[in-house]
Structure formats: structure tokens, C-alpha cells
Amino acid sequence: MNTTRRLVVAITGASGAAYGVRLLQALGMIDGWETHLVCSPSGLLTVHHELGLQRPQVEGLADVVHNVRDIGASVASGSFRCDGMVVAPCSMRTLAAVATGLADNLITRAADVMLKERRRLVLLARETPLHLVHLRNMTTVTEMGAIVMPPMPAFYTHPQHVDDIVNHTVGRVLDLFDMPHEGLLSRWAGMRASLAAVNADVITPETP
């Protein structure tokens, strides 16, 4: 029996291409998972602009690559067995298309499939500030079963580099699919030590 699990990864044109690329890199180090990649044209432009990567470098991180215009691809059907889909980053245009059921390319069609098949759909929605339509679309897709996960930095981990911030978010994404991983994030262990330090008497008397 084939025990390989599959995850669809989409990269769209919002800022934050590092999230999608790092996710693919992390998935490549986890045994038993097969990645299916779909990039929008603007997503590829953003990858090049923000990370300096060419299309073959990005596509080389995935096991299977699909053209965003190929509506006949395997991931466009509910009969294609997979565990879910992550859109990282997710542009407001893609969010709006998912919220309205506008399956006009392979990314939005695959996302629509995840919702109708009740599979996990994670959207790393990337925009700021947000206007009312953005917020309503987030509410709509959440009510439909998607998980809206804006890539918010966690400062309690004391990040030293941009990679630390990206890795933490990617680790949280992998957690949503119960994927084993190490070294991506520092897990919260409570504030007991911090509270002890804050409440400690750190003022010492001056010596004469």
C-alpha cells in the first residue's frame, strides 16, 4: 500500500515569498510527503524580486509542478487524494476568489476542491492594513472551513534574523498538518522564568 501523503503548495503574488519557498524546503526534509506546487505568474515575479530565485530553482523544490492555467491537472479534482493545501503567501486577490468560489485558475480551483472535500486549507493571507472587504473575505473562507493564518511574527522567541521569523511561521503551518519537524520554532513553555525575573529584587544597595 502506498503510504505517501500529499500536500498542495501554492505561491501567489503577495509579499512574503520566503514563506512558500521555506515551506517547500522544510517539506523536502520530511519523509513520506509528496509536494505539488502551483505558482501564479505574479508569485514567480515576487519570488525573483524578493529572493533572487529563478523559476527552475523554485520548481526544483517540489516533487510535482503544475501549470497555474492547467485546470485539467490532477489537483483540480476531488478524486485526487491529498491531505490539504497551503497558499503561502496568499494575496488578497486569491483570497477573494476563494471566498466567492471563483475557480478561475488552478490555485483557486484546487483551493475550492479542498473546501468542498472538507480538507485542510491554510491561507497565509498577506496584506496590511486591511479594509472591510479583506476582513469579510477572511470571515467567509473561515466559515467555509479554511484556516486564515496571517504570517505574524512571534517576538517571544527573540528572533535575531528574518529567517527566524519565517521558520517559526512555517513550523506552525507544519503543526497544522501534524508533520514532525525540528529546529524551525521555539515552543512556548510558559512565563514562569520571565515572571520570576521581573519580580526579583534586582536592586542592590549602594556601597559607601
C-alpha atoms as a PDB file:
ATOM      1  CA  MET A   1       0.000   0.000   0.000  1.00  0.00           C
ATOM      2  CA  ASN A   2       1.253   3.484  -0.896  1.00  0.00           C
ATOM      3  CA  THR A   3       1.600   5.432   2.341  1.00  0.00           C
ATOM      4  CA  THR A   4       2.867   8.649   0.745  1.00  0.00           C
ATOM      5  CA  ARG A   5       0.908  11.707   1.875  1.00  0.00           C
ATOM      6  CA  ARG A   6       0.429  14.690  -0.399  1.00  0.00           C
ATOM      7  CA  LEU A   7       0.276  18.418   0.170  1.00  0.00           C
ATOM      8  CA  VAL A   8      -0.542  21.089  -2.403  1.00  0.00           C
ATOM      9  CA  VAL A   9       1.503  24.276  -2.051  1.00  0.00           C
ATOM     10  CA  ALA A  10       0.619  27.466  -3.899  1.00  0.00           C
ATOM     11  CA  ILE A  11       2.642  30.667  -4.120  1.00  0.00           C
ATOM     12  CA  THR A  12       0.800  33.832  -5.163  1.00  0.00           C
ATOM     13  CA  GLY A  13       1.882  37.410  -5.759  1.00  0.00           C
ATOM     14  CA  ALA A  14       1.679  38.869  -2.256  1.00  0.00           C
ATOM     15  CA  SER A  15       4.848  39.888  -0.471  1.00  0.00           C
ATOM     16  CA  GLY A  16       6.293  37.075   1.627  1.00  0.00           C
ATOM     17  CA  ALA A  17       7.573  34.639  -0.998  1.00  0.00           C
ATOM     18  CA  ALA A  18      10.030  33.331   1.594  1.00  0.00           C
ATOM     19  CA  TYR A  19       7.170  31.571   3.386  1.00  0.00           C
ATOM     20  CA  GLY A  20       6.287  29.430   0.382  1.00  0.00           C
ATOM     21  CA  VAL A  21       9.892  28.668  -0.512  1.00  0.00           C
ATOM     22  CA  ARG A  22      10.860  27.794   3.059  1.00  0.00           C
ATOM     23  CA  LEU A  23       7.776  25.592   3.371  1.00  0.00           C
ATOM     24  CA  LEU A  24       8.841  23.624   0.300  1.00  0.00           C
ATOM     25  CA  GLN A  25      12.358  23.283   1.684  1.00  0.00           C
ATOM     26  CA  ALA A  26      11.053  22.037   5.019  1.00  0.00           C
ATOM     27  CA  LEU A  27       8.678  19.569   3.375  1.00  0.00           C
ATOM     28  CA  GLY A  28      11.565  18.199   1.329  1.00  0.00           C
ATOM     29  CA  MET A  29      13.218  17.090   4.575  1.00  0.00           C
ATOM     30  CA  ILE A  30      10.161  15.238   5.905  1.00  0.00           C
ATOM     31  CA  ASP A  31       9.868  11.615   4.841  1.00  0.00           C
ATOM     32  CA  GLY A  32       6.624  10.310   3.432  1.00  0.00           C
ATOM     33  CA  TRP A  33       5.306  13.561   1.974  1.00  0.00           C
ATOM     34  CA  GLU A  34       4.871  14.476  -1.692  1.00  0.00           C
ATOM     35  CA  THR A  35       4.549  18.151  -2.625  1.00  0.00           C
ATOM     36  CA  HIS A  36       2.506  19.505  -5.535  1.00  0.00           C
ATOM     37  CA  LEU A  37       3.421  23.087  -6.416  1.00  0.00           C
ATOM     38  CA  VAL A  38       1.369  25.713  -8.257  1.00  0.00           C
ATOM     39  CA  CYS A  39       2.749  29.240  -8.701  1.00  0.00           C
ATOM     40  CA  SER A  40       0.905  32.200 -10.154  1.00  0.00           C
ATOM     41  CA  PRO A  41       2.827  34.413 -12.629  1.00  0.00           C
ATOM     42  CA  SER A  42       2.889  37.250 -10.095  1.00  0.00           C
ATOM     43  CA  GLY A  43       4.025  34.771  -7.455  1.00  0.00           C
ATOM     44  CA  LEU A  44       7.055  33.850  -9.554  1.00  0.00           C
ATOM     45  CA  LEU A  45       7.820  37.540 -10.097  1.00  0.00           C
ATOM     46  CA  THR A  46       7.682  38.145  -6.362  1.00  0.00           C
ATOM     47  CA  VAL A  47       9.936  35.161  -5.666  1.00  0.00           C
ATOM     48  CA  HIS A  48      12.507  36.585  -8.054  1.00  0.00           C
ATOM     49  CA  HIS A  49      12.195  40.134  -6.713  1.00  0.00           C
ATOM     50  CA  GLU A  50      12.332  39.233  -3.023  1.00  0.00           C
ATOM     51  CA  LEU A  51      14.616  36.192  -3.049  1.00  0.00           C
ATOM     52  CA  GLY A  52      16.506  36.424  -6.335  1.00  0.00           C
ATOM     53  CA  LEU A  53      15.394  32.924  -7.338  1.00  0.00           C
ATOM     54  CA  GLN A  54      14.596  31.822 -10.870  1.00  0.00           C
ATOM     55  CA  ARG A  55      11.596  29.668 -11.743  1.00  0.00           C
ATOM     56  CA  PRO A  56      13.584  26.393 -12.096  1.00  0.00           C
ATOM     57  CA  GLN A  57      15.085  26.899  -8.623  1.00  0.00           C
ATOM     58  CA  VAL A  58      11.657  27.205  -7.040  1.00  0.00           C
ATOM     59  CA  GLU A  59      10.060  24.381  -9.001  1.00  0.00           C
ATOM     60  CA  GLY A  60      13.025  22.143  -8.202  1.00  0.00           C
ATOM     61  CA  LEU A  61      11.960  22.177  -4.542  1.00  0.00           C
ATOM     62  CA  ALA A  62       8.690  20.342  -5.284  1.00  0.00           C
ATOM     63  CA  ASP A  63       8.035  16.737  -6.235  1.00  0.00           C
ATOM     64  CA  VAL A  64       5.379  17.647  -8.808  1.00  0.00           C
ATOM     65  CA  VAL A  65       4.825  21.007 -10.525  1.00  0.00           C
ATOM     66  CA  HIS A  66       1.560  22.101 -12.140  1.00  0.00           C
ATOM     67  CA  ASN A  67       0.922  24.996 -14.503  1.00  0.00           C
ATOM     68  CA  VAL A  68      -1.455  27.527 -12.976  1.00  0.00           C
ATOM     69  CA  ARG A  69      -3.503  27.511 -16.199  1.00  0.00           C
ATOM     70  CA  ASP A  70      -3.867  23.708 -16.293  1.00  0.00           C
ATOM     71  CA  ILE A  71      -7.389  23.295 -14.982  1.00  0.00           C
ATOM     72  CA  GLY A  72      -7.187  19.640 -16.023  1.00  0.00           C
ATOM     73  CA  ALA A  73      -4.348  18.901 -13.596  1.00  0.00           C
ATOM     74  CA  SER A  74      -4.717  16.156 -11.000  1.00  0.00           C
ATOM     75  CA  VAL A  75      -5.073  18.608  -8.086  1.00  0.00           C
ATOM     76  CA  ALA A  76      -8.151  20.115  -9.754  1.00  0.00           C
ATOM     77  CA  SER A  77     -10.234  17.059  -8.896  1.00  0.00           C
ATOM     78  CA  GLY A  78     -11.694  15.947  -5.609  1.00  0.00           C
ATOM     79  CA  SER A  79     -10.783  12.364  -6.531  1.00  0.00           C
ATOM     80  CA  PHE A  80      -7.099  13.298  -6.177  1.00  0.00           C
ATOM     81  CA  ARG A  81      -6.161  12.086  -2.709  1.00  0.00           C
ATOM     82  CA  CYS A  82      -4.239  14.616  -0.625  1.00  0.00           C
ATOM     83  CA  ASP A  83      -4.098  15.907   2.936  1.00  0.00           C
ATOM     84  CA  GLY A  84      -4.678  19.560   2.133  1.00  0.00           C
ATOM     85  CA  MET A  85      -3.291  22.745   0.679  1.00  0.00           C
ATOM     86  CA  VAL A  86      -1.286  25.745   1.818  1.00  0.00           C
ATOM     87  CA  VAL A  87      -1.272  29.071  -0.034  1.00  0.00           C
ATOM     88  CA  ALA A  88       1.890  30.845   1.091  1.00  0.00           C
ATOM     89  CA  PRO A  89       1.697  33.733   0.686  1.00  0.00           C
ATOM     90  CA  CYS A  90      -1.955  34.294  -0.151  1.00  0.00           C
ATOM     91  CA  SER A  91      -2.750  37.518  -1.986  1.00  0.00           C
ATOM     92  CA  MET A  92      -5.983  39.385  -1.398  1.00  0.00           C
ATOM     93  CA  ARG A  93      -6.948  38.600  -4.976  1.00  0.00           C
ATOM     94  CA  THR A  94      -6.612  34.872  -4.310  1.00  0.00           C
ATOM     95  CA  LEU A  95      -8.442  35.220  -1.007  1.00  0.00           C
ATOM     96  CA  ALA A  96     -11.322  36.987  -2.753  1.00  0.00           C
ATOM     97  CA  ALA A  97     -11.507  34.315  -5.456  1.00  0.00           C
ATOM     98  CA  VAL A  98     -11.627  31.528  -2.855  1.00  0.00           C
ATOM     99  CA  ALA A  99     -14.261  33.389  -0.829  1.00  0.00           C
ATOM    100  CA  THR A 100     -16.536  33.726  -3.870  1.00  0.00           C
ATOM    101  CA  GLY A 101     -15.903  30.289  -5.371  1.00  0.00           C
ATOM    102  CA  LEU A 102     -14.233  31.814  -8.440  1.00  0.00           C
ATOM    103  CA  ALA A 103     -12.163  28.839  -9.583  1.00  0.00           C
ATOM    104  CA  ASP A 104     -10.581  30.686 -12.500  1.00  0.00           C
ATOM    105  CA  ASN A 105      -7.101  29.133 -12.292  1.00  0.00           C
ATOM    106  CA  LEU A 106      -5.532  26.015 -10.814  1.00  0.00           C
ATOM    107  CA  ILE A 107      -4.717  27.673  -7.475  1.00  0.00           C
ATOM    108  CA  THR A 108      -8.257  28.836  -6.805  1.00  0.00           C
ATOM    109  CA  ARG A 109      -9.736  25.616  -8.247  1.00  0.00           C
ATOM    110  CA  ALA A 110      -7.531  23.457  -6.011  1.00  0.00           C
ATOM    111  CA  ALA A 111      -8.476  25.607  -3.014  1.00  0.00           C
ATOM    112  CA  ASP A 112     -12.138  25.189  -3.916  1.00  0.00           C
ATOM    113  CA  VAL A 113     -11.621  21.425  -4.057  1.00  0.00           C
ATOM    114  CA  MET A 114     -10.146  21.447  -0.540  1.00  0.00           C
ATOM    115  CA  LEU A 115     -13.216  23.222   0.784  1.00  0.00           C
ATOM    116  CA  LYS A 116     -15.769  21.037  -0.947  1.00  0.00           C
ATOM    117  CA  GLU A 117     -13.945  17.853   0.075  1.00  0.00           C
ATOM    118  CA  ARG A 118     -13.592  19.136   3.666  1.00  0.00           C
ATOM    119  CA  ARG A 119      -9.806  19.009   3.555  1.00  0.00           C
ATOM    120  CA  ARG A 120      -7.494  21.395   5.348  1.00  0.00           C
ATOM    121  CA  LEU A 121      -6.887  24.674   3.525  1.00  0.00           C
ATOM    122  CA  VAL A 122      -4.412  27.094   5.098  1.00  0.00           C
ATOM    123  CA  LEU A 123      -4.169  30.632   3.713  1.00  0.00           C
ATOM    124  CA  LEU A 124      -1.185  32.757   4.741  1.00  0.00           C
ATOM    125  CA  ALA A 125      -3.061  35.960   3.953  1.00  0.00           C
ATOM    126  CA  ARG A 126      -0.557  38.751   3.465  1.00  0.00           C
ATOM    127  CA  GLU A 127      -1.692  42.393   3.421  1.00  0.00           C
ATOM    128  CA  THR A 128      -1.703  45.400   5.725  1.00  0.00           C
ATOM    129  CA  PRO A 129      -3.655  47.415   6.607  1.00  0.00           C
ATOM    130  CA  LEU A 130      -6.874  45.548   5.927  1.00  0.00           C
ATOM    131  CA  HIS A 131     -10.064  47.123   4.614  1.00  0.00           C
ATOM    132  CA  LEU A 132     -13.573  45.821   5.151  1.00  0.00           C
ATOM    133  CA  VAL A 133     -13.718  43.568   2.091  1.00  0.00           C
ATOM    134  CA  HIS A 134     -10.467  41.862   3.125  1.00  0.00           C
ATOM    135  CA  LEU A 135     -11.914  41.200   6.569  1.00  0.00           C
ATOM    136  CA  ARG A 136     -15.235  39.965   5.201  1.00  0.00           C
ATOM    137  CA  ASN A 137     -13.466  37.615   2.800  1.00  0.00           C
ATOM    138  CA  MET A 138     -11.437  36.213   5.694  1.00  0.00           C
ATOM    139  CA  THR A 139     -14.630  35.646   7.642  1.00  0.00           C
ATOM    140  CA  THR A 140     -16.261  33.973   4.645  1.00  0.00           C
ATOM    141  CA  VAL A 141     -13.451  31.493   3.978  1.00  0.00           C
ATOM    142  CA  THR A 142     -13.240  30.719   7.698  1.00  0.00           C
ATOM    143  CA  GLU A 143     -16.955  29.924   7.749  1.00  0.00           C
ATOM    144  CA  MET A 144     -16.341  27.690   4.725  1.00  0.00           C
ATOM    145  CA  GLY A 145     -13.725  25.709   6.642  1.00  0.00           C
ATOM    146  CA  ALA A 146     -10.419  27.311   5.695  1.00  0.00           C
ATOM    147  CA  ILE A 147      -7.799  28.439   8.196  1.00  0.00           C
ATOM    148  CA  VAL A 148      -6.678  32.042   7.728  1.00  0.00           C
ATOM    149  CA  MET A 149      -3.138  32.289   9.078  1.00  0.00           C
ATOM    150  CA  PRO A 150      -1.550  35.709   8.547  1.00  0.00           C
ATOM    151  CA  PRO A 151       2.207  35.249   8.984  1.00  0.00           C
ATOM    152  CA  MET A 152       2.541  37.199  12.225  1.00  0.00           C
ATOM    153  CA  PRO A 153       5.999  37.257  13.840  1.00  0.00           C
ATOM    154  CA  ALA A 154       6.286  35.832  17.341  1.00  0.00           C
ATOM    155  CA  PHE A 155       8.567  38.142  19.270  1.00  0.00           C
ATOM    156  CA  TYR A 156       8.576  35.997  22.414  1.00  0.00           C
ATOM    157  CA  THR A 157      11.071  33.775  20.555  1.00  0.00           C
ATOM    158  CA  HIS A 158      13.531  36.702  20.376  1.00  0.00           C
ATOM    159  CA  PRO A 159      14.186  36.385  16.625  1.00  0.00           C
ATOM    160  CA  GLN A 160      17.615  37.535  15.518  1.00  0.00           C
ATOM    161  CA  HIS A 161      17.168  37.227  11.762  1.00  0.00           C
ATOM    162  CA  VAL A 162      14.391  37.283   9.172  1.00  0.00           C
ATOM    163  CA  ASP A 163      14.905  33.537   8.763  1.00  0.00           C
ATOM    164  CA  ASP A 164      13.938  33.051  12.406  1.00  0.00           C
ATOM    165  CA  ILE A 165      10.599  34.755  11.786  1.00  0.00           C
ATOM    166  CA  VAL A 166       9.948  32.792   8.582  1.00  0.00           C
ATOM    167  CA  ASN A 167      10.919  29.473  10.168  1.00  0.00           C
ATOM    168  CA  HIS A 168       8.591  29.998  13.115  1.00  0.00           C
ATOM    169  CA  THR A 169       5.583  30.550  10.848  1.00  0.00           C
ATOM    170  CA  VAL A 170       6.487  27.580   8.650  1.00  0.00           C
ATOM    171  CA  GLY A 171       6.784  25.407  11.736  1.00  0.00           C
ATOM    172  CA  ARG A 172       3.313  26.464  12.837  1.00  0.00           C
ATOM    173  CA  VAL A 173       1.980  25.559   9.379  1.00  0.00           C
ATOM    174  CA  LEU A 174       3.525  22.093   9.614  1.00  0.00           C
ATOM    175  CA  ASP A 175       1.917  21.697  13.040  1.00  0.00           C
ATOM    176  CA  LEU A 176      -1.494  22.196  11.443  1.00  0.00           C
ATOM    177  CA  PHE A 177      -0.861  19.044   9.399  1.00  0.00           C
ATOM    178  CA  ASP A 178       0.712  17.103  12.288  1.00  0.00           C
ATOM    179  CA  MET A 179       4.033  16.892  10.459  1.00  0.00           C
ATOM    180  CA  PRO A 180       7.123  16.092  12.518  1.00  0.00           C
ATOM    181  CA  HIS A 181       9.825  18.744  12.376  1.00  0.00           C
ATOM    182  CA  GLU A 182      12.726  20.032  14.423  1.00  0.00           C
ATOM    183  CA  GLY A 183      14.627  23.271  14.611  1.00  0.00           C
ATOM    184  CA  LEU A 184      12.041  25.514  12.978  1.00  0.00           C
ATOM    185  CA  LEU A 185      10.435  27.063  16.040  1.00  0.00           C
ATOM    186  CA  SER A 186      10.896  27.542  19.757  1.00  0.00           C
ATOM    187  CA  ARG A 187       7.839  26.219  21.550  1.00  0.00           C
ATOM    188  CA  TRP A 188       6.231  28.256  24.297  1.00  0.00           C
ATOM    189  CA  ALA A 189       6.991  26.796  27.717  1.00  0.00           C
ATOM    190  CA  GLY A 190       5.258  29.336  29.929  1.00  0.00           C
ATOM    191  CA  MET A 191       6.280  32.599  31.567  1.00  0.00           C
ATOM    192  CA  ARG A 192       7.356  31.313  34.984  1.00  0.00           C
ATOM    193  CA  ALA A 193      11.028  32.125  34.440  1.00  0.00           C
ATOM    194  CA  SER A 194      10.249  35.556  32.981  1.00  0.00           C
ATOM    195  CA  LEU A 195       7.865  36.407  35.805  1.00  0.00           C
ATOM    196  CA  ALA A 196      10.439  35.340  38.370  1.00  0.00           C
ATOM    197  CA  ALA A 197      12.992  37.655  36.788  1.00  0.00           C
ATOM    198  CA  VAL A 198      10.548  40.572  36.690  1.00  0.00           C
ATOM    199  CA  ASN A 199       9.519  40.117  40.306  1.00  0.00           C
ATOM    200  CA  ALA A 200      13.028  39.534  41.611  1.00  0.00           C
ATOM    201  CA  ASP A 201      14.662  42.167  43.761  1.00  0.00           C
ATOM    202  CA  VAL A 202      17.422  43.198  41.404  1.00  0.00           C
ATOM    203  CA  ILE A 203      18.214  46.479  43.145  1.00  0.00           C
ATOM    204  CA  THR A 204      21.233  46.175  45.405  1.00  0.00           C
ATOM    205  CA  PRO A 205      22.223  48.765  47.998  1.00  0.00           C
ATOM    206  CA  GLU A 206      24.953  51.164  47.054  1.00  0.00           C
ATOM    207  CA  THR A 207      28.213  50.598  48.801  1.00  0.00           C
ATOM    208  CA  PRO A 208      29.611  53.549  50.727  1.00  0.00           C
END
